[in-house]
PDB file of N, CA and C in Angstrom:
ATOM      1  N   UNK A   1     284.630  45.926 127.078  1.00  0.00           N
ATOM      2  CA  UNK A   1     285.557  45.006 126.449  1.00  0.00           C
ATOM      3  C   UNK A   1     285.512  45.222 124.939  1.00  0.00           C
ATOM      4  N   UNK A   2     286.688  45.391 124.352  1.00  0.00           N
ATOM      5  CA  UNK A   2     286.790  45.620 122.919  1.00  0.00           C
ATOM      6  C   UNK A   2     286.577  44.302 122.167  1.00  0.00           C
ATOM      7  N   UNK A   3     285.809  44.369 121.081  1.00  0.00           N
ATOM      8  CA  UNK A   3     285.516  43.155 120.300  1.00  0.00           C
ATOM      9  C   UNK A   3     286.785  42.636 119.634  1.00  0.00           C
ATOM     10  N   UNK A   4     286.925  41.328 119.622  1.00  0.00           N
ATOM     11  CA  UNK A   4     288.032  40.655 118.969  1.00  0.00           C
ATOM     12  C   UNK A   4     287.883  40.837 117.460  1.00  0.00           C
ATOM     13  N   UNK A   5     289.003  41.055 116.770  1.00  0.00           N
ATOM     14  CA  UNK A   5     288.894  41.215 115.312  1.00  0.00           C
ATOM     15  C   UNK A   5     288.221  40.032 114.613  1.00  0.00           C
ATOM     16  N   UNK A   6     288.428  38.800 115.099  1.00  0.00           N
ATOM     17  CA  UNK A   6     287.762  37.647 114.475  1.00  0.00           C
ATOM     18  C   UNK A   6     286.258  37.791 114.632  1.00  0.00           C
ATOM     19  N   UNK A   7     285.823  38.168 115.818  1.00  0.00           N
ATOM     20  CA  UNK A   7     284.388  38.368 116.058  1.00  0.00           C
ATOM     21  C   UNK A   7     283.830  39.444 115.136  1.00  0.00           C
ATOM     22  N   UNK A   8     284.576  40.517 114.967  1.00  0.00           N
ATOM     23  CA  UNK A   8     284.151  41.604 114.083  1.00  0.00           C
ATOM     24  C   UNK A   8     284.071  41.123 112.635  1.00  0.00           C
ATOM     25  N   UNK A   9     285.060  40.302 112.213  1.00  0.00           N
ATOM     26  CA  UNK A   9     285.043  39.799 110.834  1.00  0.00           C
ATOM     27  C   UNK A   9     283.890  38.815 110.610  1.00  0.00           C
ATOM     28  N   UNK A  10     283.540  38.039 111.636  1.00  0.00           N
ATOM     29  CA  UNK A  10     282.383  37.135 111.505  1.00  0.00           C
ATOM     30  C   UNK A  10     281.122  37.949 111.254  1.00  0.00           C
ATOM     31  N   UNK A  11     280.939  38.999 112.049  1.00  0.00           N
ATOM     32  CA  UNK A  11     279.772  39.875 111.868  1.00  0.00           C
ATOM     33  C   UNK A  11     279.786  40.486 110.471  1.00  0.00           C
ATOM     34  N   UNK A  12     280.948  40.979 110.074  1.00  0.00           N
ATOM     35  CA  UNK A  12     281.064  41.616 108.766  1.00  0.00           C
ATOM     36  C   UNK A  12     280.755  40.627 107.645  1.00  0.00           C
ATOM     37  N   UNK A  13     281.261  39.404 107.760  1.00  0.00           N
ATOM     38  CA  UNK A  13     281.017  38.374 106.742  1.00  0.00           C
ATOM     39  C   UNK A  13     279.534  38.034 106.667  1.00  0.00           C
ATOM     40  N   UNK A  14     278.906  37.864 107.830  1.00  0.00           N
ATOM     41  CA  UNK A  14     277.474  37.530 107.865  1.00  0.00           C
ATOM     42  C   UNK A  14     276.652  38.637 107.221  1.00  0.00           C
ATOM     43  N   UNK A  15     276.950  39.878 107.579  1.00  0.00           N
ATOM     44  CA  UNK A  15     276.213  41.012 107.014  1.00  0.00           C
ATOM     45  C   UNK A  15     276.490  41.173 105.521  1.00  0.00           C
ATOM     46  N   UNK A  16     277.736  40.938 105.117  1.00  0.00           N
ATOM     47  CA  UNK A  16     278.109  41.009 103.708  1.00  0.00           C
ATOM     48  C   UNK A  16     277.287  40.015 102.890  1.00  0.00           C
ATOM     49  N   UNK A  17     277.072  38.817 103.459  1.00  0.00           N
ATOM     50  CA  UNK A  17     276.305  37.778 102.771  1.00  0.00           C
ATOM     51  C   UNK A  17     274.799  38.031 102.849  1.00  0.00           C
ATOM     52  N   UNK A  18     274.393  38.985 103.677  1.00  0.00           N
ATOM     53  CA  UNK A  18     272.984  39.339 103.763  1.00  0.00           C
ATOM     54  C   UNK A  18     272.157  38.445 104.673  1.00  0.00           C
ATOM     55  N   UNK A  19     272.791  37.767 105.618  1.00  0.00           N
ATOM     56  CA  UNK A  19     272.068  36.873 106.525  1.00  0.00           C
ATOM     57  C   UNK A  19     271.706  37.572 107.828  1.00  0.00           C
ATOM     58  N   UNK A  20     270.484  37.322 108.283  1.00  0.00           N
ATOM     59  CA  UNK A  20     270.144  37.699 109.655  1.00  0.00           C
ATOM     60  C   UNK A  20     270.847  36.706 110.567  1.00  0.00           C
ATOM     61  N   UNK A  21     270.926  37.025 111.846  1.00  0.00           N
ATOM     62  CA  UNK A  21     271.548  36.081 112.780  1.00  0.00           C
ATOM     63  C   UNK A  21     270.791  34.756 112.796  1.00  0.00           C
ATOM     64  N   UNK A  22     269.478  34.818 112.746  1.00  0.00           N
ATOM     65  CA  UNK A  22     268.673  33.598 112.788  1.00  0.00           C
ATOM     66  C   UNK A  22     268.912  32.726 111.557  1.00  0.00           C
ATOM     67  N   UNK A  23     268.916  33.341 110.368  1.00  0.00           N
ATOM     68  CA  UNK A  23     269.149  32.585 109.131  1.00  0.00           C
ATOM     69  C   UNK A  23     270.567  32.032 109.096  1.00  0.00           C
ATOM     70  N   UNK A  24     271.513  32.842 109.520  1.00  0.00           N
ATOM     71  CA  UNK A  24     272.906  32.414 109.569  1.00  0.00           C
ATOM     72  C   UNK A  24     273.067  31.216 110.502  1.00  0.00           C
ATOM     73  N   UNK A  25     272.451  31.282 111.671  1.00  0.00           N
ATOM     74  CA  UNK A  25     272.514  30.181 112.640  1.00  0.00           C
ATOM     75  C   UNK A  25     271.901  28.914 112.049  1.00  0.00           C
ATOM     76  N   UNK A  26     270.765  29.066 111.384  1.00  0.00           N
ATOM     77  CA  UNK A  26     270.116  27.916 110.778  1.00  0.00           C
ATOM     78  C   UNK A  26     271.018  27.267 109.740  1.00  0.00           C
ATOM     79  N   UNK A  27     271.606  28.070 108.874  1.00  0.00           N
ATOM     80  CA  UNK A  27     272.473  27.528 107.826  1.00  0.00           C
ATOM     81  C   UNK A  27     273.766  26.939 108.384  1.00  0.00           C
ATOM     82  N   UNK A  28     274.203  27.455 109.520  1.00  0.00           N
ATOM     83  CA  UNK A  28     275.420  26.928 110.161  1.00  0.00           C
ATOM     84  C   UNK A  28     275.111  25.727 111.052  1.00  0.00           C
ATOM     85  N   UNK A  29     273.822  25.449 111.264  1.00  0.00           N
ATOM     86  CA  UNK A  29     273.381  24.356 112.138  1.00  0.00           C
ATOM     87  C   UNK A  29     273.856  24.564 113.575  1.00  0.00           C
ATOM     88  N   UNK A  30     273.748  25.830 114.022  1.00  0.00           N
ATOM     89  CA  UNK A  30     274.039  26.179 115.417  1.00  0.00           C
ATOM     90  C   UNK A  30     272.876  27.015 115.933  1.00  0.00           C
ATOM     91  N   UNK A  31     272.864  27.282 117.212  1.00  0.00           N
ATOM     92  CA  UNK A  31     271.787  28.099 117.780  1.00  0.00           C
ATOM     93  C   UNK A  31     272.066  29.581 117.535  1.00  0.00           C
ATOM     94  N   UNK A  32     271.009  30.380 117.544  1.00  0.00           N
ATOM     95  CA  UNK A  32     271.168  31.832 117.394  1.00  0.00           C
ATOM     96  C   UNK A  32     272.041  32.411 118.508  1.00  0.00           C
ATOM     97  N   UNK A  33     271.882  31.944 119.777  1.00  0.00           N
ATOM     98  CA  UNK A  33     272.773  32.458 120.819  1.00  0.00           C
ATOM     99  C   UNK A  33     274.252  32.142 120.551  1.00  0.00           C
ATOM    100  N   UNK A  34     274.529  31.033 119.877  1.00  0.00           N
ATOM    101  CA  UNK A  34     275.926  30.717 119.531  1.00  0.00           C
ATOM    102  C   UNK A  34     276.487  31.778 118.596  1.00  0.00           C
ATOM    103  N   UNK A  35     275.710  32.156 117.594  1.00  0.00           N
ATOM    104  CA  UNK A  35     276.145  33.209 116.663  1.00  0.00           C
ATOM    105  C   UNK A  35     276.358  34.516 117.425  1.00  0.00           C
ATOM    106  N   UNK A  36     275.415  34.853 118.303  1.00  0.00           N
ATOM    107  CA  UNK A  36     275.550  36.064 119.113  1.00  0.00           C
ATOM    108  C   UNK A  36     276.831  36.015 119.942  1.00  0.00           C
ATOM    109  N   UNK A  37     277.119  34.864 120.528  1.00  0.00           N
ATOM    110  CA  UNK A  37     278.334  34.718 121.340  1.00  0.00           C
ATOM    111  C   UNK A  37     279.605  34.803 120.490  1.00  0.00           C
ATOM    112  N   UNK A  38     279.574  34.264 119.273  1.00  0.00           N
ATOM    113  CA  UNK A  38     280.727  34.404 118.382  1.00  0.00           C
ATOM    114  C   UNK A  38     280.973  35.878 118.083  1.00  0.00           C
ATOM    115  N   UNK A  39     279.897  36.581 117.729  1.00  0.00           N
ATOM    116  CA  UNK A  39     280.029  37.976 117.326  1.00  0.00           C
ATOM    117  C   UNK A  39     280.335  38.896 118.504  1.00  0.00           C
ATOM    118  N   UNK A  40     280.014  38.474 119.700  1.00  0.00           N
ATOM    119  CA  UNK A  40     280.323  39.256 120.896  1.00  0.00           C
ATOM    120  C   UNK A  40     281.662  38.837 121.508  1.00  0.00           C
ATOM    121  N   UNK A  41     282.325  37.891 120.885  1.00  0.00           N
ATOM    122  CA  UNK A  41     283.609  37.351 121.344  1.00  0.00           C
ATOM    123  C   UNK A  41     283.508  36.715 122.727  1.00  0.00           C
ATOM    124  N   UNK A  42     282.338  36.114 123.012  1.00  0.00           N
ATOM    125  CA  UNK A  42     282.183  35.377 124.263  1.00  0.00           C
ATOM    126  C   UNK A  42     282.681  33.950 124.109  1.00  0.00           C
ATOM    127  N   UNK A  43     282.516  33.395 122.914  1.00  0.00           N
ATOM    128  CA  UNK A  43     283.104  32.103 122.570  1.00  0.00           C
ATOM    129  C   UNK A  43     283.683  32.226 121.174  1.00  0.00           C
ATOM    130  N   UNK A  44     284.663  31.383 120.902  1.00  0.00           N
ATOM    131  CA  UNK A  44     285.311  31.431 119.598  1.00  0.00           C
ATOM    132  C   UNK A  44     284.955  30.200 118.783  1.00  0.00           C
ATOM    133  N   UNK A  45     284.569  30.383 117.528  1.00  0.00           N
ATOM    134  CA  UNK A  45     284.281  29.207 116.690  1.00  0.00           C
ATOM    135  C   UNK A  45     285.564  28.434 116.420  1.00  0.00           C
ATOM    136  N   UNK A  46     285.432  27.116 116.304  1.00  0.00           N
ATOM    137  CA  UNK A  46     286.609  26.310 115.981  1.00  0.00           C
ATOM    138  C   UNK A  46     286.928  26.466 114.492  1.00  0.00           C
ATOM    139  N   UNK A  47     288.022  25.867 114.078  1.00  0.00           N
ATOM    140  CA  UNK A  47     288.483  25.991 112.700  1.00  0.00           C
ATOM    141  C   UNK A  47     287.450  25.476 111.702  1.00  0.00           C
ATOM    142  N   UNK A  48     286.785  24.375 112.045  1.00  0.00           N
ATOM    143  CA  UNK A  48     285.761  23.841 111.140  1.00  0.00           C
ATOM    144  C   UNK A  48     284.624  24.841 110.948  1.00  0.00           C
ATOM    145  N   UNK A  49     284.197  25.471 112.040  1.00  0.00           N
ATOM    146  CA  UNK A  49     283.127  26.468 111.927  1.00  0.00           C
ATOM    147  C   UNK A  49     283.592  27.689 111.146  1.00  0.00           C
ATOM    148  N   UNK A  50     284.839  28.132 111.373  1.00  0.00           N
ATOM    149  CA  UNK A  50     285.358  29.269 110.607  1.00  0.00           C
ATOM    150  C   UNK A  50     285.387  28.941 109.113  1.00  0.00           C
ATOM    151  N   UNK A  51     285.785  27.728 108.797  1.00  0.00           N
ATOM    152  CA  UNK A  51     285.807  27.299 107.403  1.00  0.00           C
ATOM    153  C   UNK A  51     284.402  27.308 106.813  1.00  0.00           C
ATOM    154  N   UNK A  52     283.442  26.808 107.564  1.00  0.00           N
ATOM    155  CA  UNK A  52     282.050  26.775 107.101  1.00  0.00           C
ATOM    156  C   UNK A  52     281.505  28.197 106.937  1.00  0.00           C
ATOM    157  N   UNK A  53     281.858  29.096 107.857  1.00  0.00           N
ATOM    158  CA  UNK A  53     281.428  30.500 107.752  1.00  0.00           C
ATOM    159  C   UNK A  53     281.989  31.109 106.470  1.00  0.00           C
ATOM    160  N   UNK A  54     283.272  30.859 106.206  1.00  0.00           N
ATOM    161  CA  UNK A  54     283.906  31.424 105.009  1.00  0.00           C
ATOM    162  C   UNK A  54     283.195  30.966 103.749  1.00  0.00           C
ATOM    163  N   UNK A  55     282.903  29.670 103.670  1.00  0.00           N
ATOM    164  CA  UNK A  55     282.224  29.128 102.489  1.00  0.00           C
ATOM    165  C   UNK A  55     280.811  29.694 102.380  1.00  0.00           C
ATOM    166  N   UNK A  56     280.087  29.686 103.480  1.00  0.00           N
ATOM    167  CA  UNK A  56     278.700  30.155 103.472  1.00  0.00           C
ATOM    168  C   UNK A  56     278.596  31.626 103.074  1.00  0.00           C
ATOM    169  N   UNK A  57     279.535  32.428 103.550  1.00  0.00           N
ATOM    170  CA  UNK A  57     279.469  33.873 103.302  1.00  0.00           C
ATOM    171  C   UNK A  57     280.243  34.311 102.064  1.00  0.00           C
ATOM    172  N   UNK A  58     280.966  33.379 101.457  1.00  0.00           N
ATOM    173  CA  UNK A  58     281.721  33.723 100.257  1.00  0.00           C
ATOM    174  C   UNK A  58     282.902  34.628 100.534  1.00  0.00           C
ATOM    175  N   UNK A  59     283.570  34.397 101.672  1.00  0.00           N
ATOM    176  CA  UNK A  59     284.745  35.189 102.007  1.00  0.00           C
ATOM    177  C   UNK A  59     285.958  34.267 102.128  1.00  0.00           C
ATOM    178  N   UNK A  60     287.116  34.854 102.115  1.00  0.00           N
ATOM    179  CA  UNK A  60     288.359  34.102 102.231  1.00  0.00           C
ATOM    180  C   UNK A  60     288.547  33.593 103.661  1.00  0.00           C
ATOM    181  N   UNK A  61     288.894  32.308 103.795  1.00  0.00           N
ATOM    182  CA  UNK A  61     289.153  31.748 105.114  1.00  0.00           C
ATOM    183  C   UNK A  61     290.319  32.476 105.783  1.00  0.00           C
ATOM    184  N   UNK A  62     291.372  32.757 105.021  1.00  0.00           N
ATOM    185  CA  UNK A  62     292.532  33.438 105.608  1.00  0.00           C
ATOM    186  C   UNK A  62     292.140  34.793 106.171  1.00  0.00           C
ATOM    187  N   UNK A  63     291.337  35.546 105.428  1.00  0.00           N
ATOM    188  CA  UNK A  63     290.889  36.845 105.921  1.00  0.00           C
ATOM    189  C   UNK A  63     290.050  36.672 107.178  1.00  0.00           C
ATOM    190  N   UNK A  64     289.123  35.729 107.157  1.00  0.00           N
ATOM    191  CA  UNK A  64     288.243  35.524 108.302  1.00  0.00           C
ATOM    192  C   UNK A  64     289.035  35.139 109.548  1.00  0.00           C
ATOM    193  N   UNK A  65     289.962  34.223 109.415  1.00  0.00           N
ATOM    194  CA  UNK A  65     290.704  33.710 110.569  1.00  0.00           C
ATOM    195  C   UNK A  65     291.813  34.643 111.044  1.00  0.00           C
ATOM    196  N   UNK A  66     292.443  35.369 110.103  1.00  0.00           N
ATOM    197  CA  UNK A  66     293.632  36.144 110.488  1.00  0.00           C
ATOM    198  C   UNK A  66     293.547  37.630 110.160  1.00  0.00           C
ATOM    199  N   UNK A  67     292.661  37.989 109.247  1.00  0.00           N
ATOM    200  CA  UNK A  67     292.603  39.376 108.812  1.00  0.00           C
ATOM    201  C   UNK A  67     293.557  39.689 107.667  1.00  0.00           C
ATOM    202  N   UNK A  68     294.343  38.701 107.241  1.00  0.00           N
ATOM    203  CA  UNK A  68     295.285  38.920 106.142  1.00  0.00           C
ATOM    204  C   UNK A  68     294.587  38.674 104.805  1.00  0.00           C
ATOM    205  N   UNK A  69     295.045  39.387 103.800  1.00  0.00           N
ATOM    206  CA  UNK A  69     294.505  39.198 102.462  1.00  0.00           C
ATOM    207  C   UNK A  69     293.180  39.912 102.276  1.00  0.00           C
ATOM    208  N   UNK A  70     292.600  39.708 101.118  1.00  0.00           N
ATOM    209  CA  UNK A  70     291.326  40.329 100.805  1.00  0.00           C
ATOM    210  C   UNK A  70     290.168  39.551 101.403  1.00  0.00           C
ATOM    211  N   UNK A  71     289.093  40.248 101.685  1.00  0.00           N
ATOM    212  CA  UNK A  71     287.919  39.596 102.254  1.00  0.00           C
ATOM    213  C   UNK A  71     287.293  38.627 101.256  1.00  0.00           C
ATOM    214  N   UNK A  72     287.168  39.072 100.017  1.00  0.00           N
ATOM    215  CA  UNK A  72     286.526  38.244  99.005  1.00  0.00           C
ATOM    216  C   UNK A  72     287.569  37.596  98.125  1.00  0.00           C
ATOM    217  N   UNK A  73     287.199  36.491  97.493  1.00  0.00           N
ATOM    218  CA  UNK A  73     288.120  35.784  96.619  1.00  0.00           C
ATOM    219  C   UNK A  73     288.492  36.624  95.403  1.00  0.00           C
ATOM    220  N   UNK A  74     287.584  37.479  94.950  1.00  0.00           N
ATOM    221  CA  UNK A  74     287.877  38.283  93.770  1.00  0.00           C
ATOM    222  C   UNK A  74     288.596  39.578  94.123  1.00  0.00           C
ATOM    223  N   UNK A  75     289.032  39.714  95.386  1.00  0.00           N
ATOM    224  CA  UNK A  75     289.795  40.868  95.815  1.00  0.00           C
ATOM    225  C   UNK A  75     291.224  40.407  96.056  1.00  0.00           C
ATOM    226  N   UNK A  76     292.095  40.529  95.062  1.00  0.00           N
ATOM    227  CA  UNK A  76     293.444  40.010  95.248  1.00  0.00           C
ATOM    228  C   UNK A  76     294.192  40.782  96.314  1.00  0.00           C
ATOM    229  N   UNK A  77     294.910  40.046  97.170  1.00  0.00           N
ATOM    230  CA  UNK A  77     295.708  40.688  98.195  1.00  0.00           C
ATOM    231  C   UNK A  77     297.094  41.036  97.651  1.00  0.00           C
ATOM    232  N   UNK A  78     297.472  40.413  96.546  1.00  0.00           N
ATOM    233  CA  UNK A  78     298.739  40.696  95.896  1.00  0.00           C
ATOM    234  C   UNK A  78     298.420  41.172  94.491  1.00  0.00           C
ATOM    235  N   UNK A  79     299.004  42.260  94.107  1.00  0.00           N
ATOM    236  CA  UNK A  79     298.729  42.791  92.779  1.00  0.00           C
ATOM    237  C   UNK A  79     299.457  41.977  91.728  1.00  0.00           C
ATOM    238  N   UNK A  80     298.771  41.723  90.656  1.00  0.00           N
ATOM    239  CA  UNK A  80     299.353  41.007  89.529  1.00  0.00           C
ATOM    240  C   UNK A  80     300.286  41.952  88.773  1.00  0.00           C
ATOM    241  N   UNK A  81     301.364  41.434  88.220  1.00  0.00           N
ATOM    242  CA  UNK A  81     302.236  42.286  87.413  1.00  0.00           C
ATOM    243  C   UNK A  81     301.466  42.850  86.227  1.00  0.00           C
ATOM    244  N   UNK A  82     301.799  44.053  85.852  1.00  0.00           N
ATOM    245  CA  UNK A  82     301.087  44.683  84.747  1.00  0.00           C
ATOM    246  C   UNK A  82     301.663  44.294  83.396  1.00  0.00           C
ATOM    247  N   UNK A  83     302.903  43.772  83.360  1.00  0.00           N
ATOM    248  CA  UNK A  83     303.517  43.374  82.099  1.00  0.00           C
ATOM    249  C   UNK A  83     302.765  42.183  81.516  1.00  0.00           C
ATOM    250  N   UNK A  84     302.500  42.264  80.239  1.00  0.00           N
ATOM    251  CA  UNK A  84     301.834  41.156  79.562  1.00  0.00           C
ATOM    252  C   UNK A  84     302.828  40.020  79.356  1.00  0.00           C
ATOM    253  N   UNK A  85     302.371  38.816  79.542  1.00  0.00           N
ATOM    254  CA  UNK A  85     303.224  37.660  79.331  1.00  0.00           C
ATOM    255  C   UNK A  85     303.072  37.151  77.910  1.00  0.00           C
ATOM    256  N   UNK A  86     304.176  36.728  77.352  1.00  0.00           N
ATOM    257  CA  UNK A  86     304.160  36.178  76.009  1.00  0.00           C
ATOM    258  C   UNK A  86     304.208  34.658  76.106  1.00  0.00           C
ATOM    259  N   UNK A  87     303.530  33.999  75.205  1.00  0.00           N
ATOM    260  CA  UNK A  87     303.584  32.545  75.153  1.00  0.00           C
ATOM    261  C   UNK A  87     304.960  32.125  74.660  1.00  0.00           C
ATOM    262  N   UNK A  88     305.448  31.011  75.177  1.00  0.00           N
ATOM    263  CA  UNK A  88     306.736  30.494  74.718  1.00  0.00           C
ATOM    264  C   UNK A  88     306.606  29.988  73.294  1.00  0.00           C
ATOM    265  N   UNK A  89     307.682  30.158  72.505  1.00  0.00           N
ATOM    266  CA  UNK A  89     307.673  29.539  71.176  1.00  0.00           C
ATOM    267  C   UNK A  89     307.564  28.023  71.338  1.00  0.00           C
ATOM    268  N   UNK A  90     307.099  27.345  70.316  1.00  0.00           N
ATOM    269  CA  UNK A  90     306.838  25.905  70.380  1.00  0.00           C
ATOM    270  C   UNK A  90     308.069  25.105  70.777  1.00  0.00           C
ATOM    271  N   UNK A  91     309.254  25.459  70.228  1.00  0.00           N
ATOM    272  CA  UNK A  91     310.455  24.687  70.563  1.00  0.00           C
ATOM    273  C   UNK A  91     310.849  24.861  72.027  1.00  0.00           C
ATOM    274  N   UNK A  92     310.709  26.073  72.570  1.00  0.00           N
ATOM    275  CA  UNK A  92     311.020  26.303  73.985  1.00  0.00           C
ATOM    276  C   UNK A  92     310.017  25.597  74.891  1.00  0.00           C
ATOM    277  N   UNK A  93     308.769  25.607  74.498  1.00  0.00           N
ATOM    278  CA  UNK A  93     307.737  24.910  75.265  1.00  0.00           C
ATOM    279  C   UNK A  93     308.017  23.410  75.305  1.00  0.00           C
ATOM    280  N   UNK A  94     308.441  22.858  74.167  1.00  0.00           N
ATOM    281  CA  UNK A  94     308.775  21.427  74.092  1.00  0.00           C
ATOM    282  C   UNK A  94     309.953  21.109  75.004  1.00  0.00           C
ATOM    283  N   UNK A  95     311.002  21.938  74.960  1.00  0.00           N
ATOM    284  CA  UNK A  95     312.163  21.723  75.830  1.00  0.00           C
ATOM    285  C   UNK A  95     311.767  21.774  77.313  1.00  0.00           C
ATOM    286  N   UNK A  96     310.950  22.726  77.657  1.00  0.00           N
ATOM    287  CA  UNK A  96     310.513  22.863  79.044  1.00  0.00           C
ATOM    288  C   UNK A  96     309.700  21.652  79.495  1.00  0.00           C
ATOM    289  N   UNK A  97     308.835  21.154  78.629  1.00  0.00           N
ATOM    290  CA  UNK A  97     308.036  19.971  78.954  1.00  0.00           C
ATOM    291  C   UNK A  97     308.925  18.762  79.208  1.00  0.00           C
ATOM    292  N   UNK A  98     309.906  18.569  78.338  1.00  0.00           N
ATOM    293  CA  UNK A  98     310.838  17.441  78.505  1.00  0.00           C
ATOM    294  C   UNK A  98     311.654  17.623  79.778  1.00  0.00           C
ATOM    295  N   UNK A  99     312.169  18.816  80.002  1.00  0.00           N
ATOM    296  CA  UNK A  99     312.979  19.112  81.187  1.00  0.00           C
ATOM    297  C   UNK A  99     312.221  18.808  82.476  1.00  0.00           C
ATOM    298  N   UNK A 100     310.967  19.200  82.541  1.00  0.00           N
ATOM    299  CA  UNK A 100     310.162  18.988  83.753  1.00  0.00           C
ATOM    300  C   UNK A 100     309.927  17.503  84.047  1.00  0.00           C
ATOM    301  N   UNK A 101     310.023  16.658  83.030  1.00  0.00           N
ATOM    302  CA  UNK A 101     309.819  15.219  83.224  1.00  0.00           C
ATOM    303  C   UNK A 101     311.083  14.510  83.707  1.00  0.00           C
ATOM    304  N   UNK A 102     312.233  15.172  83.594  1.00  0.00           N
ATOM    305  CA  UNK A 102     313.505  14.544  83.963  1.00  0.00           C
ATOM    306  C   UNK A 102     313.706  14.503  85.479  1.00  0.00           C
ATOM    307  N   UNK A 103     314.390  13.469  85.971  1.00  0.00           N
ATOM    308  CA  UNK A 103     314.773  13.461  87.385  1.00  0.00           C
ATOM    309  C   UNK A 103     315.838  14.544  87.634  1.00  0.00           C
ATOM    310  N   UNK A 104     316.023  14.912  88.879  1.00  0.00           N
ATOM    311  CA  UNK A 104     316.912  16.021  89.253  1.00  0.00           C
ATOM    312  C   UNK A 104     318.327  15.854  88.709  1.00  0.00           C
ATOM    313  N   UNK A 105     318.888  14.649  88.796  1.00  0.00           N
ATOM    314  CA  UNK A 105     320.266  14.422  88.332  1.00  0.00           C
ATOM    315  C   UNK A 105     320.385  14.679  86.830  1.00  0.00           C
ATOM    316  N   UNK A 106     319.403  14.234  86.082  1.00  0.00           N
ATOM    317  CA  UNK A 106     319.441  14.448  84.621  1.00  0.00           C
ATOM    318  C   UNK A 106     319.213  15.918  84.275  1.00  0.00           C
ATOM    319  N   UNK A 107     318.403  16.614  85.079  1.00  0.00           N
ATOM    320  CA  UNK A 107     318.213  18.053  84.852  1.00  0.00           C
ATOM    321  C   UNK A 107     319.556  18.773  84.985  1.00  0.00           C
ATOM    322  N   UNK A 108     320.292  18.451  86.067  1.00  0.00           N
ATOM    323  CA  UNK A 108     321.595  19.092  86.282  1.00  0.00           C
ATOM    324  C   UNK A 108     322.545  18.779  85.121  1.00  0.00           C
ATOM    325  N   UNK A 109     322.572  17.526  84.690  1.00  0.00           N
ATOM    326  CA  UNK A 109     323.451  17.137  83.578  1.00  0.00           C
ATOM    327  C   UNK A 109     323.083  17.881  82.296  1.00  0.00           C
ATOM    328  N   UNK A 110     321.787  18.000  82.033  1.00  0.00           N
ATOM    329  CA  UNK A 110     321.346  18.715  80.830  1.00  0.00           C
ATOM    330  C   UNK A 110     321.740  20.187  80.905  1.00  0.00           C
ATOM    331  N   UNK A 111     321.562  20.805  82.061  1.00  0.00           N
ATOM    332  CA  UNK A 111     321.934  22.213  82.207  1.00  0.00           C
ATOM    333  C   UNK A 111     323.438  22.398  82.018  1.00  0.00           C
ATOM    334  N   UNK A 112     324.225  21.498  82.573  1.00  0.00           N
ATOM    335  CA  UNK A 112     325.682  21.567  82.402  1.00  0.00           C
ATOM    336  C   UNK A 112     326.030  21.473  80.918  1.00  0.00           C
ATOM    337  N   UNK A 113     325.419  20.529  80.238  1.00  0.00           N
ATOM    338  CA  UNK A 113     325.654  20.352  78.794  1.00  0.00           C
ATOM    339  C   UNK A 113     325.291  21.624  78.015  1.00  0.00           C
ATOM    340  N   UNK A 114     324.113  22.153  78.283  1.00  0.00           N
ATOM    341  CA  UNK A 114     323.658  23.342  77.558  1.00  0.00           C
ATOM    342  C   UNK A 114     324.532  24.557  77.863  1.00  0.00           C
ATOM    343  N   UNK A 115     324.967  24.681  79.111  1.00  0.00           N
ATOM    344  CA  UNK A 115     325.833  25.810  79.468  1.00  0.00           C
ATOM    345  C   UNK A 115     327.168  25.735  78.756  1.00  0.00           C
ATOM    346  N   UNK A 116     327.643  24.535  78.469  1.00  0.00           N
ATOM    347  CA  UNK A 116     328.925  24.385  77.760  1.00  0.00           C
ATOM    348  C   UNK A 116     328.815  24.870  76.320  1.00  0.00           C
ATOM    349  N   UNK A 117     327.637  24.973  75.785  1.00  0.00           N
ATOM    350  CA  UNK A 117     327.425  25.423  74.408  1.00  0.00           C
ATOM    351  C   UNK A 117     327.302  26.939  74.298  1.00  0.00           C
ATOM    352  N   UNK A 118     327.159  27.609  75.428  1.00  0.00           N
ATOM    353  CA  UNK A 118     326.967  29.068  75.367  1.00  0.00           C
ATOM    354  C   UNK A 118     328.250  29.823  75.552  1.00  0.00           C
TER     355      UNK A 118
END
């Protein structure tokens, strides 16, 4: 029987964190056979246990549960744009702050007004 990817990721996360099965079980407050069964895909940990595994091992919950994204938090799954961002000038920043505080109807009215000036 081929190991389930979740089971494989649990093993990988535990080993990445440097835990033996016994230490991992102790920290998870489960029995060592439970950890063995998770890693052998005989039983599946519930969402709460997966969340606890992610925190304990310092890995991303999304990666652990689904395999999507980077394993570690410092491994971005989406690349950041390389273009440097410029800070807004003070007057534009002030306008944006005021705009964000307005209700939707007033935002639309302000945009209509400003568009009439261009």
